[in-house]
């Protein structure tokens, strides 16, 4: 008799391992670096900076799939997990886009001087706060504890930016350095531990 609970636990562990290659972390870190740089030094295009990562995300995910399958093979998740994953990805994508747009709008409103209240006081950190919530949501969805650390970094950076009344790009730039560094380290470690089947 098949123990369904044990199979679910094993699949959950395998699912977490399937996202330990670091490619998504590296891409996210580089995206944060780009967006942070745009907000600080390329203010004319800051509001549109998130478009570039959005354009490349499908290319990155396709390349990641090929990279992982060439080393770890193809895994077909159970139908309930595939549905769960699809639903979570759609919800998080919509939420992420909405939060980013809200952060940009709120910062523009705050920096225009038309608001002198609460939004103005947290405006410089609002984008980092919203991205922190997105990272925490992804951490819950994928069971990846490191995403909670990323969320904490963004939250602390957002608080610092609001406190210092500085560019909202600084917390993103700082978090991007750490996230990209972690992603690069994970990718190197994964590639060393899982050589390509074509090279064996």
N, C-alpha and C. Protein backbone atom coordinates (compact mmCIF):
# COMPACT_ATOMS: atom_id res chain seq x y z
N UNK A 1 0.85 -1.21 0.00
CA UNK A 1 0.00 0.00 0.00
C UNK A 1 0.88 1.25 0.00
N UNK A 2 0.56 2.21 -0.86
CA UNK A 2 1.37 3.43 -0.98
C UNK A 2 1.04 4.39 0.15
N UNK A 3 2.06 4.88 0.81
CA UNK A 3 1.89 5.86 1.88
C UNK A 3 1.90 7.25 1.23
N UNK A 4 0.72 7.82 1.05
CA UNK A 4 0.59 9.10 0.35
C UNK A 4 1.30 10.22 1.07
N UNK A 5 1.22 10.23 2.39
CA UNK A 5 1.88 11.30 3.16
C UNK A 5 3.38 11.29 2.96
N UNK A 6 3.98 10.08 2.98
CA UNK A 6 5.43 9.98 2.78
C UNK A 6 5.82 10.42 1.37
N UNK A 7 4.99 10.07 0.38
CA UNK A 7 5.27 10.48 -0.98
C UNK A 7 5.20 12.00 -1.11
N UNK A 8 4.24 12.61 -0.44
CA UNK A 8 4.12 14.07 -0.47
C UNK A 8 5.35 14.73 0.15
N UNK A 9 5.85 14.17 1.25
CA UNK A 9 7.03 14.72 1.91
C UNK A 9 8.25 14.59 1.00
N UNK A 10 8.40 13.43 0.36
CA UNK A 10 9.53 13.22 -0.54
C UNK A 10 9.45 14.16 -1.74
N UNK A 11 8.25 14.34 -2.27
CA UNK A 11 8.10 15.23 -3.41
C UNK A 11 8.39 16.68 -3.03
N UNK A 12 7.96 17.08 -1.83
CA UNK A 12 8.23 18.43 -1.37
C UNK A 12 9.73 18.68 -1.25
N UNK A 13 10.47 17.69 -0.71
CA UNK A 13 11.92 17.82 -0.59
C UNK A 13 12.57 17.90 -1.97
N UNK A 14 12.10 17.06 -2.90
CA UNK A 14 12.64 17.07 -4.26
C UNK A 14 12.33 18.39 -4.96
N UNK A 15 11.16 18.92 -4.66
CA UNK A 15 10.74 20.19 -5.28
C UNK A 15 11.64 21.33 -4.82
N UNK A 16 11.97 21.33 -3.53
CA UNK A 16 12.88 22.37 -3.02
C UNK A 16 14.25 22.24 -3.67
N UNK A 17 14.75 20.99 -3.79
CA UNK A 17 16.07 20.77 -4.40
C UNK A 17 16.09 21.19 -5.88
N UNK A 18 14.94 21.07 -6.53
CA UNK A 18 14.86 21.39 -7.95
C UNK A 18 15.10 22.88 -8.22
N UNK A 19 14.95 23.70 -7.20
CA UNK A 19 15.17 25.14 -7.35
C UNK A 19 16.40 25.61 -6.58
N UNK A 20 17.37 24.72 -6.42
CA UNK A 20 18.58 25.06 -5.68
C UNK A 20 19.76 25.36 -6.60
N UNK A 21 19.49 25.50 -7.91
CA UNK A 21 20.59 25.75 -8.85
C UNK A 21 21.08 27.19 -8.83
N UNK A 22 20.27 28.12 -8.32
CA UNK A 22 20.71 29.50 -8.18
C UNK A 22 20.46 30.41 -9.36
N UNK A 23 19.96 29.87 -10.47
CA UNK A 23 19.78 30.69 -11.67
C UNK A 23 18.72 31.77 -11.44
N UNK A 24 17.61 31.39 -10.82
CA UNK A 24 16.55 32.37 -10.55
C UNK A 24 17.06 33.43 -9.58
N UNK A 25 17.84 33.02 -8.57
CA UNK A 25 18.41 33.97 -7.63
C UNK A 25 19.35 34.94 -8.34
N UNK A 26 20.20 34.41 -9.22
CA UNK A 26 21.14 35.25 -9.96
C UNK A 26 20.40 36.25 -10.83
N UNK A 27 19.38 35.78 -11.54
CA UNK A 27 18.60 36.67 -12.40
C UNK A 27 17.88 37.74 -11.58
N UNK A 28 17.31 37.33 -10.45
CA UNK A 28 16.62 38.28 -9.59
C UNK A 28 17.59 39.33 -9.05
N UNK A 29 18.77 38.88 -8.62
CA UNK A 29 19.78 39.81 -8.11
C UNK A 29 20.22 40.80 -9.16
N UNK A 30 20.47 40.32 -10.38
CA UNK A 30 20.87 41.22 -11.46
C UNK A 30 19.74 42.19 -11.82
N UNK A 31 18.50 41.71 -11.73
CA UNK A 31 17.35 42.57 -12.00
C UNK A 31 17.27 43.69 -10.96
N UNK A 32 17.47 43.32 -9.69
CA UNK A 32 17.47 44.33 -8.63
C UNK A 32 18.59 45.35 -8.83
N UNK A 33 19.77 44.85 -9.23
CA UNK A 33 20.88 45.75 -9.51
C UNK A 33 20.53 46.73 -10.63
N UNK A 34 19.93 46.22 -11.67
CA UNK A 34 19.56 47.07 -12.80
C UNK A 34 18.51 48.10 -12.39
N UNK A 35 17.46 47.65 -11.70
CA UNK A 35 16.39 48.57 -11.30
C UNK A 35 16.93 49.60 -10.31
N UNK A 36 17.75 49.16 -9.37
CA UNK A 36 18.34 50.09 -8.41
C UNK A 36 19.22 51.12 -9.09
N UNK A 37 20.03 50.67 -10.05
CA UNK A 37 20.90 51.57 -10.80
C UNK A 37 20.07 52.60 -11.57
N UNK A 38 18.99 52.12 -12.20
CA UNK A 38 18.13 53.03 -12.96
C UNK A 38 17.51 54.09 -12.06
N UNK A 39 17.06 53.70 -10.88
CA UNK A 39 16.43 54.66 -9.97
C UNK A 39 17.44 55.70 -9.46
N UNK A 40 18.69 55.27 -9.30
CA UNK A 40 19.69 56.19 -8.74
C UNK A 40 20.31 57.09 -9.81
N UNK A 41 20.72 56.51 -10.92
CA UNK A 41 21.50 57.25 -11.91
C UNK A 41 20.80 57.48 -13.25
N UNK A 42 19.69 56.79 -13.50
CA UNK A 42 18.98 56.94 -14.78
C UNK A 42 17.53 57.28 -14.49
N UNK A 43 17.32 58.36 -13.78
CA UNK A 43 15.99 58.70 -13.28
C UNK A 43 14.95 58.87 -14.38
N UNK A 44 15.38 59.20 -15.59
CA UNK A 44 14.43 59.40 -16.69
C UNK A 44 13.71 58.12 -17.08
N UNK A 45 14.36 56.97 -16.85
CA UNK A 45 13.74 55.69 -17.23
C UNK A 45 13.44 54.83 -16.02
N UNK A 46 13.57 55.40 -14.83
CA UNK A 46 13.40 54.60 -13.60
C UNK A 46 12.06 53.89 -13.55
N UNK A 47 11.00 54.58 -13.92
CA UNK A 47 9.67 53.99 -13.84
C UNK A 47 9.47 52.81 -14.76
N UNK A 48 10.29 52.72 -15.82
CA UNK A 48 10.17 51.62 -16.79
C UNK A 48 11.26 50.57 -16.62
N UNK A 49 12.08 50.72 -15.59
CA UNK A 49 13.23 49.82 -15.42
C UNK A 49 12.82 48.36 -15.26
N UNK A 50 11.65 48.12 -14.67
CA UNK A 50 11.20 46.75 -14.46
C UNK A 50 10.78 46.03 -15.72
N UNK A 51 10.64 46.78 -16.83
CA UNK A 51 10.22 46.16 -18.09
C UNK A 51 11.29 45.20 -18.62
N UNK A 52 12.56 45.60 -18.52
CA UNK A 52 13.65 44.78 -19.07
C UNK A 52 13.71 43.39 -18.44
N UNK A 53 13.72 43.27 -17.09
CA UNK A 53 13.69 41.92 -16.51
C UNK A 53 12.46 41.13 -16.92
N UNK A 54 11.30 41.81 -17.03
CA UNK A 54 10.07 41.12 -17.42
C UNK A 54 10.19 40.53 -18.82
N UNK A 55 10.89 41.25 -19.71
CA UNK A 55 11.07 40.78 -21.09
C UNK A 55 11.94 39.52 -21.12
N UNK A 56 12.96 39.48 -20.27
CA UNK A 56 13.92 38.38 -20.32
C UNK A 56 13.56 37.19 -19.43
N UNK A 57 12.52 37.31 -18.62
CA UNK A 57 12.26 36.25 -17.65
C UNK A 57 11.93 34.92 -18.32
N UNK A 58 11.18 34.95 -19.42
CA UNK A 58 10.83 33.70 -20.10
C UNK A 58 12.07 33.04 -20.70
N UNK A 59 12.99 33.87 -21.21
CA UNK A 59 14.24 33.34 -21.78
C UNK A 59 15.07 32.68 -20.69
N UNK A 60 15.16 33.35 -19.53
CA UNK A 60 15.93 32.81 -18.41
C UNK A 60 15.34 31.50 -17.91
N UNK A 61 14.01 31.45 -17.76
CA UNK A 61 13.37 30.23 -17.27
C UNK A 61 13.53 29.07 -18.25
N UNK A 62 13.47 29.37 -19.55
CA UNK A 62 13.68 28.33 -20.56
C UNK A 62 15.12 27.82 -20.51
N UNK A 63 16.07 28.75 -20.39
CA UNK A 63 17.48 28.35 -20.29
C UNK A 63 17.76 27.57 -19.02
N UNK A 64 17.12 27.98 -17.93
CA UNK A 64 17.29 27.27 -16.66
C UNK A 64 16.78 25.84 -16.76
N UNK A 65 15.62 25.67 -17.40
CA UNK A 65 15.03 24.33 -17.56
C UNK A 65 15.99 23.40 -18.32
N UNK A 66 16.58 23.92 -19.39
CA UNK A 66 17.52 23.12 -20.18
C UNK A 66 18.78 22.81 -19.37
N UNK A 67 19.28 23.81 -18.64
CA UNK A 67 20.48 23.65 -17.84
C UNK A 67 20.29 22.57 -16.77
N UNK A 68 19.17 22.62 -16.07
CA UNK A 68 18.90 21.67 -14.98
C UNK A 68 18.64 20.27 -15.53
N UNK A 69 17.83 20.18 -16.57
CA UNK A 69 17.51 18.87 -17.13
C UNK A 69 18.74 18.18 -17.70
N UNK A 70 19.69 18.95 -18.19
CA UNK A 70 20.93 18.38 -18.73
C UNK A 70 21.80 17.78 -17.63
N UNK A 71 21.51 18.16 -16.37
CA UNK A 71 22.31 17.68 -15.24
C UNK A 71 21.54 16.78 -14.29
N UNK A 72 20.29 17.07 -14.08
CA UNK A 72 19.50 16.30 -13.10
C UNK A 72 18.38 15.50 -13.74
N UNK A 73 18.18 15.68 -15.05
CA UNK A 73 17.10 14.95 -15.71
C UNK A 73 15.77 15.69 -15.57
N UNK A 74 14.75 15.07 -16.15
CA UNK A 74 13.43 15.68 -16.15
C UNK A 74 12.59 15.06 -15.04
N UNK A 75 11.92 15.91 -14.29
CA UNK A 75 11.04 15.44 -13.23
C UNK A 75 9.63 15.89 -13.55
N UNK A 76 8.69 14.95 -13.55
CA UNK A 76 7.29 15.28 -13.76
C UNK A 76 6.59 15.23 -12.41
N UNK A 77 6.18 16.41 -11.93
CA UNK A 77 5.53 16.48 -10.63
C UNK A 77 4.12 15.92 -10.71
N UNK A 78 3.59 15.58 -9.57
CA UNK A 78 2.23 15.05 -9.50
C UNK A 78 1.24 16.11 -9.97
N UNK A 79 0.10 15.69 -10.52
CA UNK A 79 -0.90 16.67 -11.00
C UNK A 79 -1.29 17.72 -9.96
N UNK A 80 -1.54 17.34 -8.69
CA UNK A 80 -1.88 18.38 -7.71
C UNK A 80 -0.78 19.43 -7.53
N UNK A 81 0.49 18.99 -7.55
CA UNK A 81 1.58 19.94 -7.37
C UNK A 81 1.72 20.83 -8.60
N UNK A 82 1.50 20.27 -9.79
CA UNK A 82 1.59 21.09 -11.00
C UNK A 82 0.50 22.17 -11.00
N UNK A 83 -0.69 21.80 -10.58
CA UNK A 83 -1.77 22.78 -10.48
C UNK A 83 -1.47 23.83 -9.42
N UNK A 84 -0.94 23.38 -8.29
CA UNK A 84 -0.58 24.27 -7.19
C UNK A 84 0.50 25.25 -7.63
N UNK A 85 1.50 24.74 -8.35
CA UNK A 85 2.58 25.58 -8.83
C UNK A 85 2.08 26.59 -9.85
N UNK A 86 1.27 26.15 -10.77
CA UNK A 86 0.74 27.04 -11.81
C UNK A 86 -0.09 28.16 -11.18
N UNK A 87 -0.95 27.80 -10.24
CA UNK A 87 -1.80 28.79 -9.59
C UNK A 87 -0.96 29.81 -8.82
N UNK A 88 0.02 29.31 -8.08
CA UNK A 88 0.87 30.21 -7.29
C UNK A 88 1.69 31.14 -8.17
N UNK A 89 2.22 30.62 -9.27
CA UNK A 89 3.03 31.44 -10.16
C UNK A 89 2.19 32.56 -10.78
N UNK A 90 0.98 32.23 -11.20
CA UNK A 90 0.10 33.24 -11.79
C UNK A 90 -0.24 34.32 -10.76
N UNK A 91 -0.62 33.88 -9.56
CA UNK A 91 -0.99 34.82 -8.51
C UNK A 91 0.19 35.72 -8.13
N UNK A 92 1.37 35.11 -7.99
CA UNK A 92 2.54 35.89 -7.60
C UNK A 92 2.99 36.83 -8.70
N UNK A 93 2.85 36.40 -9.95
CA UNK A 93 3.21 37.28 -11.07
C UNK A 93 2.31 38.52 -11.08
N UNK A 94 1.01 38.29 -10.95
CA UNK A 94 0.06 39.41 -10.93
C UNK A 94 0.33 40.31 -9.73
N UNK A 95 0.53 39.67 -8.57
CA UNK A 95 0.79 40.46 -7.36
C UNK A 95 2.09 41.25 -7.47
N UNK A 96 3.13 40.62 -8.04
CA UNK A 96 4.42 41.29 -8.19
C UNK A 96 4.32 42.50 -9.10
N UNK A 97 3.63 42.34 -10.24
CA UNK A 97 3.47 43.46 -11.17
C UNK A 97 2.67 44.59 -10.51
N UNK A 98 1.58 44.20 -9.83
CA UNK A 98 0.74 45.20 -9.16
C UNK A 98 1.52 45.94 -8.07
N UNK A 99 2.31 45.20 -7.30
CA UNK A 99 3.08 45.83 -6.22
C UNK A 99 4.15 46.76 -6.77
N UNK A 100 4.82 46.33 -7.84
CA UNK A 100 5.84 47.18 -8.44
C UNK A 100 5.22 48.47 -8.97
N UNK A 101 4.10 48.32 -9.68
CA UNK A 101 3.42 49.50 -10.22
C UNK A 101 2.96 50.42 -9.08
N UNK A 102 2.42 49.84 -8.02
CA UNK A 102 1.97 50.64 -6.89
C UNK A 102 3.14 51.39 -6.25
N UNK A 103 4.28 50.70 -6.13
CA UNK A 103 5.46 51.34 -5.55
C UNK A 103 5.93 52.52 -6.37
N UNK A 104 5.95 52.34 -7.70
CA UNK A 104 6.37 53.42 -8.59
C UNK A 104 5.42 54.61 -8.49
N UNK A 105 4.11 54.31 -8.53
CA UNK A 105 3.11 55.38 -8.46
C UNK A 105 3.21 56.13 -7.13
N UNK A 106 3.32 55.37 -6.04
CA UNK A 106 3.39 56.00 -4.72
C UNK A 106 4.63 56.86 -4.59
N UNK A 107 5.76 56.39 -5.12
CA UNK A 107 6.98 57.18 -5.02
C UNK A 107 6.87 58.46 -5.85
N UNK A 108 6.30 58.35 -7.04
CA UNK A 108 6.13 59.53 -7.89
C UNK A 108 5.23 60.55 -7.20
N UNK A 109 4.13 60.06 -6.60
CA UNK A 109 3.23 60.96 -5.88
C UNK A 109 3.95 61.63 -4.71
N UNK A 110 4.71 60.81 -3.96
CA UNK A 110 5.41 61.35 -2.79
C UNK A 110 6.49 62.35 -3.20
N UNK A 111 7.23 62.05 -4.25
CA UNK A 111 8.33 62.93 -4.65
C UNK A 111 7.85 64.20 -5.34
N UNK A 112 6.60 64.18 -5.81
CA UNK A 112 6.06 65.36 -6.48
C UNK A 112 5.70 66.47 -5.51
N UNK A 113 5.63 66.09 -4.23
CA UNK A 113 5.31 67.09 -3.22
C UNK A 113 3.82 67.27 -3.00
N UNK A 114 2.99 66.50 -3.74
CA UNK A 114 1.54 66.64 -3.58
C UNK A 114 1.03 65.92 -2.34
N UNK A 115 1.88 65.12 -1.73
CA UNK A 115 1.47 64.42 -0.51
C UNK A 115 2.53 64.67 0.56
N UNK A 116 2.11 65.09 1.72
CA UNK A 116 3.07 65.38 2.79
C UNK A 116 2.84 64.49 4.01
N UNK A 117 2.02 63.48 3.85
CA UNK A 117 1.69 62.62 4.98
C UNK A 117 2.46 61.33 5.00
N UNK A 118 1.74 60.26 5.29
CA UNK A 118 2.36 58.96 5.49
C UNK A 118 3.09 58.46 4.25
N UNK A 119 2.44 58.60 3.08
CA UNK A 119 3.07 58.12 1.84
C UNK A 119 4.39 58.83 1.59
N UNK A 120 4.41 60.13 1.85
CA UNK A 120 5.65 60.89 1.66
C UNK A 120 6.75 60.38 2.57
N UNK A 121 6.39 60.03 3.80
CA UNK A 121 7.40 59.61 4.76
C UNK A 121 8.00 58.24 4.44
N UNK A 122 7.19 57.35 3.84
CA UNK A 122 7.71 56.02 3.53
C UNK A 122 8.02 55.85 2.04
N UNK A 123 7.78 56.92 1.24
CA UNK A 123 7.95 56.82 -0.21
C UNK A 123 9.26 56.22 -0.67
N UNK A 124 10.41 56.68 -0.17
CA UNK A 124 11.69 56.14 -0.64
C UNK A 124 11.87 54.63 -0.36
N UNK A 125 11.17 54.11 0.63
CA UNK A 125 11.32 52.69 0.95
C UNK A 125 10.19 51.82 0.48
N UNK A 126 9.15 52.46 -0.12
CA UNK A 126 7.94 51.71 -0.45
C UNK A 126 8.19 50.61 -1.48
N UNK A 127 8.98 50.89 -2.50
CA UNK A 127 9.27 49.89 -3.52
C UNK A 127 9.97 48.68 -2.91
N UNK A 128 10.91 48.93 -2.02
CA UNK A 128 11.62 47.83 -1.34
C UNK A 128 10.65 47.04 -0.45
N UNK A 129 9.74 47.73 0.23
CA UNK A 129 8.75 47.05 1.07
C UNK A 129 7.88 46.11 0.25
N UNK A 130 7.41 46.59 -0.90
CA UNK A 130 6.53 45.78 -1.74
C UNK A 130 7.27 44.58 -2.33
N UNK A 131 8.51 44.79 -2.74
CA UNK A 131 9.30 43.68 -3.25
C UNK A 131 9.62 42.67 -2.14
N UNK A 132 9.76 43.16 -0.91
CA UNK A 132 9.98 42.27 0.23
C UNK A 132 8.77 41.37 0.45
N UNK A 133 7.58 41.93 0.32
CA UNK A 133 6.37 41.12 0.44
C UNK A 133 6.30 40.07 -0.67
N UNK A 134 6.71 40.45 -1.88
CA UNK A 134 6.73 39.50 -3.00
C UNK A 134 7.72 38.37 -2.72
N UNK A 135 8.91 38.71 -2.22
CA UNK A 135 9.92 37.70 -1.90
C UNK A 135 9.41 36.75 -0.81
N UNK A 136 8.73 37.30 0.19
CA UNK A 136 8.18 36.46 1.25
C UNK A 136 7.11 35.52 0.69
N UNK A 137 6.28 36.05 -0.22
CA UNK A 137 5.27 35.20 -0.86
C UNK A 137 5.87 34.07 -1.65
N UNK A 138 6.95 34.37 -2.38
CA UNK A 138 7.65 33.31 -3.12
C UNK A 138 8.28 32.30 -2.18
N UNK A 139 8.78 32.79 -1.04
CA UNK A 139 9.36 31.87 -0.05
C UNK A 139 8.34 30.89 0.46
N UNK A 140 7.12 31.38 0.68
CA UNK A 140 6.05 30.49 1.12
C UNK A 140 5.66 29.52 0.01
N UNK A 141 5.53 30.05 -1.22
CA UNK A 141 5.09 29.23 -2.35
C UNK A 141 6.06 28.10 -2.67
N UNK A 142 7.36 28.39 -2.59
CA UNK A 142 8.35 27.39 -2.99
C UNK A 142 9.06 26.74 -1.81
N UNK A 143 8.72 27.13 -0.61
CA UNK A 143 9.36 26.53 0.57
C UNK A 143 10.85 26.82 0.63
N UNK A 144 11.25 28.00 0.14
CA UNK A 144 12.67 28.37 0.09
C UNK A 144 12.96 29.39 1.19
N UNK A 145 13.65 28.96 2.22
CA UNK A 145 13.88 29.84 3.37
C UNK A 145 14.77 31.03 3.02
N UNK A 146 15.66 30.89 2.03
CA UNK A 146 16.56 31.99 1.70
C UNK A 146 15.78 33.21 1.21
N UNK A 147 14.60 32.99 0.65
CA UNK A 147 13.81 34.10 0.17
C UNK A 147 13.31 34.99 1.32
N UNK A 148 13.14 34.40 2.49
CA UNK A 148 12.77 35.19 3.65
C UNK A 148 13.94 36.11 4.06
N UNK A 149 15.16 35.61 3.88
CA UNK A 149 16.34 36.45 4.16
C UNK A 149 16.39 37.61 3.17
N UNK A 150 16.09 37.32 1.88
CA UNK A 150 16.06 38.39 0.89
C UNK A 150 14.99 39.42 1.24
N UNK A 151 13.83 38.93 1.67
CA UNK A 151 12.74 39.83 2.06
C UNK A 151 13.16 40.70 3.23
N UNK A 152 13.86 40.11 4.19
CA UNK A 152 14.32 40.88 5.36
C UNK A 152 15.30 41.97 4.94
N UNK A 153 16.21 41.63 4.00
CA UNK A 153 17.17 42.64 3.52
C UNK A 153 16.47 43.80 2.85
N UNK A 154 15.48 43.49 2.02
CA UNK A 154 14.74 44.55 1.35
C UNK A 154 13.96 45.40 2.35
N UNK A 155 13.39 44.76 3.35
CA UNK A 155 12.63 45.49 4.36
C UNK A 155 13.54 46.44 5.15
N UNK A 156 14.69 45.94 5.58
CA UNK A 156 15.64 46.78 6.31
C UNK A 156 16.15 47.91 5.42
N UNK A 157 16.45 47.59 4.16
CA UNK A 157 16.90 48.62 3.23
C UNK A 157 15.83 49.67 3.00
N UNK A 158 14.58 49.24 2.91
CA UNK A 158 13.48 50.18 2.73
C UNK A 158 13.33 51.11 3.91
N UNK A 159 13.47 50.55 5.11
CA UNK A 159 13.39 51.37 6.32
C UNK A 159 14.51 52.41 6.32
N UNK A 160 15.72 51.96 5.95
CA UNK A 160 16.86 52.88 5.92
C UNK A 160 16.66 53.99 4.88
N UNK A 161 16.12 53.61 3.70
CA UNK A 161 15.90 54.60 2.65
C UNK A 161 14.85 55.62 3.09
N UNK A 162 13.79 55.14 3.74
CA UNK A 162 12.75 56.05 4.23
C UNK A 162 13.30 56.96 5.33
N UNK A 163 14.12 56.37 6.20
CA UNK A 163 14.69 57.14 7.31
C UNK A 163 15.61 58.24 6.81
N UNK A 164 16.42 57.90 5.78
CA UNK A 164 17.40 58.85 5.25
C UNK A 164 16.80 59.73 4.14
N UNK A 165 15.58 59.39 3.72
CA UNK A 165 14.91 60.12 2.63
C UNK A 165 15.79 60.16 1.39
N UNK A 166 16.24 58.97 0.98
CA UNK A 166 17.14 58.86 -0.16
C UNK A 166 16.44 58.16 -1.32
N UNK A 167 17.16 57.89 -2.38
CA UNK A 167 16.58 57.24 -3.56
C UNK A 167 16.09 55.83 -3.23
N UNK A 168 14.95 55.43 -3.77
CA UNK A 168 14.45 54.07 -3.55
C UNK A 168 15.33 53.01 -4.22
N UNK A 169 16.27 53.46 -5.03
CA UNK A 169 17.15 52.51 -5.70
C UNK A 169 18.20 51.90 -4.79
N UNK A 170 18.58 52.61 -3.72
CA UNK A 170 19.66 52.11 -2.87
C UNK A 170 19.35 50.78 -2.19
N UNK A 171 18.17 50.58 -1.58
CA UNK A 171 17.91 49.26 -0.98
C UNK A 171 17.85 48.15 -2.02
N UNK A 172 17.38 48.47 -3.24
CA UNK A 172 17.35 47.46 -4.29
C UNK A 172 18.75 47.11 -4.76
N UNK A 173 19.60 48.14 -4.88
CA UNK A 173 20.98 47.93 -5.30
C UNK A 173 21.73 47.07 -4.27
N UNK A 174 21.55 47.40 -2.99
CA UNK A 174 22.24 46.65 -1.94
C UNK A 174 21.76 45.21 -1.89
N UNK A 175 20.44 45.01 -1.95
CA UNK A 175 19.90 43.65 -1.93
C UNK A 175 20.33 42.89 -3.18
N UNK A 176 20.39 43.60 -4.32
CA UNK A 176 20.78 42.95 -5.57
C UNK A 176 22.19 42.38 -5.51
N UNK A 177 23.10 43.09 -4.86
CA UNK A 177 24.47 42.60 -4.72
C UNK A 177 24.48 41.26 -3.97
N UNK A 178 23.73 41.21 -2.87
CA UNK A 178 23.70 40.00 -2.04
C UNK A 178 23.00 38.86 -2.77
N UNK A 179 21.84 39.15 -3.36
CA UNK A 179 21.07 38.10 -4.03
C UNK A 179 21.82 37.55 -5.24
N UNK A 180 22.42 38.44 -6.04
CA UNK A 180 23.20 37.98 -7.20
C UNK A 180 24.41 37.18 -6.75
N UNK A 181 25.06 37.63 -5.67
CA UNK A 181 26.20 36.89 -5.15
C UNK A 181 25.81 35.50 -4.68
N UNK A 182 24.69 35.40 -3.98
CA UNK A 182 24.20 34.11 -3.52
C UNK A 182 23.83 33.22 -4.71
N UNK A 183 23.17 33.82 -5.70
CA UNK A 183 22.80 33.06 -6.89
C UNK A 183 24.00 32.53 -7.63
N UNK A 184 25.03 33.38 -7.77
CA UNK A 184 26.25 32.94 -8.44
C UNK A 184 26.94 31.81 -7.70
N UNK A 185 26.98 31.93 -6.36
CA UNK A 185 27.58 30.88 -5.54
C UNK A 185 26.81 29.57 -5.67
N UNK A 186 25.47 29.65 -5.61
CA UNK A 186 24.65 28.45 -5.73
C UNK A 186 24.81 27.80 -7.10
N UNK A 187 24.88 28.63 -8.13
CA UNK A 187 25.03 28.11 -9.50
C UNK A 187 26.36 27.39 -9.66
N UNK A 188 27.43 27.99 -9.14
CA UNK A 188 28.75 27.36 -9.23
C UNK A 188 28.78 26.04 -8.48
N UNK A 189 28.21 26.03 -7.27
CA UNK A 189 28.17 24.81 -6.47
C UNK A 189 27.33 23.74 -7.15
N UNK A 190 26.20 24.13 -7.72
CA UNK A 190 25.31 23.18 -8.39
C UNK A 190 26.00 22.58 -9.62
N UNK A 191 26.69 23.43 -10.40
CA UNK A 191 27.36 22.94 -11.61
C UNK A 191 28.49 21.98 -11.26
N UNK A 192 29.18 22.25 -10.15
CA UNK A 192 30.26 21.35 -9.73
C UNK A 192 29.72 20.01 -9.23
N UNK A 193 28.60 20.06 -8.52
CA UNK A 193 28.02 18.84 -7.96
C UNK A 193 27.23 18.04 -8.99
N UNK A 194 26.81 18.71 -10.07
CA UNK A 194 25.98 18.04 -11.08
C UNK A 194 26.54 18.33 -12.47
N UNK A 195 27.59 17.62 -12.86
CA UNK A 195 28.17 17.87 -14.19
C UNK A 195 27.19 17.49 -15.29
N UNK A 196 27.33 18.15 -16.42
CA UNK A 196 26.46 17.88 -17.55
C UNK A 196 26.65 16.44 -18.03
N UNK A 197 25.54 15.80 -18.39
CA UNK A 197 25.63 14.42 -18.88
C UNK A 197 26.37 14.38 -20.22
N UNK A 198 26.41 15.49 -20.92
CA UNK A 198 27.10 15.53 -22.20
C UNK A 198 28.60 15.53 -22.05
N UNK A 199 29.07 15.92 -20.83
CA UNK A 199 30.51 15.98 -20.62
C UNK A 199 31.05 14.71 -19.95
N UNK A 200 30.15 13.75 -19.64
CA UNK A 200 30.58 12.50 -19.01
C UNK A 200 30.65 11.37 -20.01
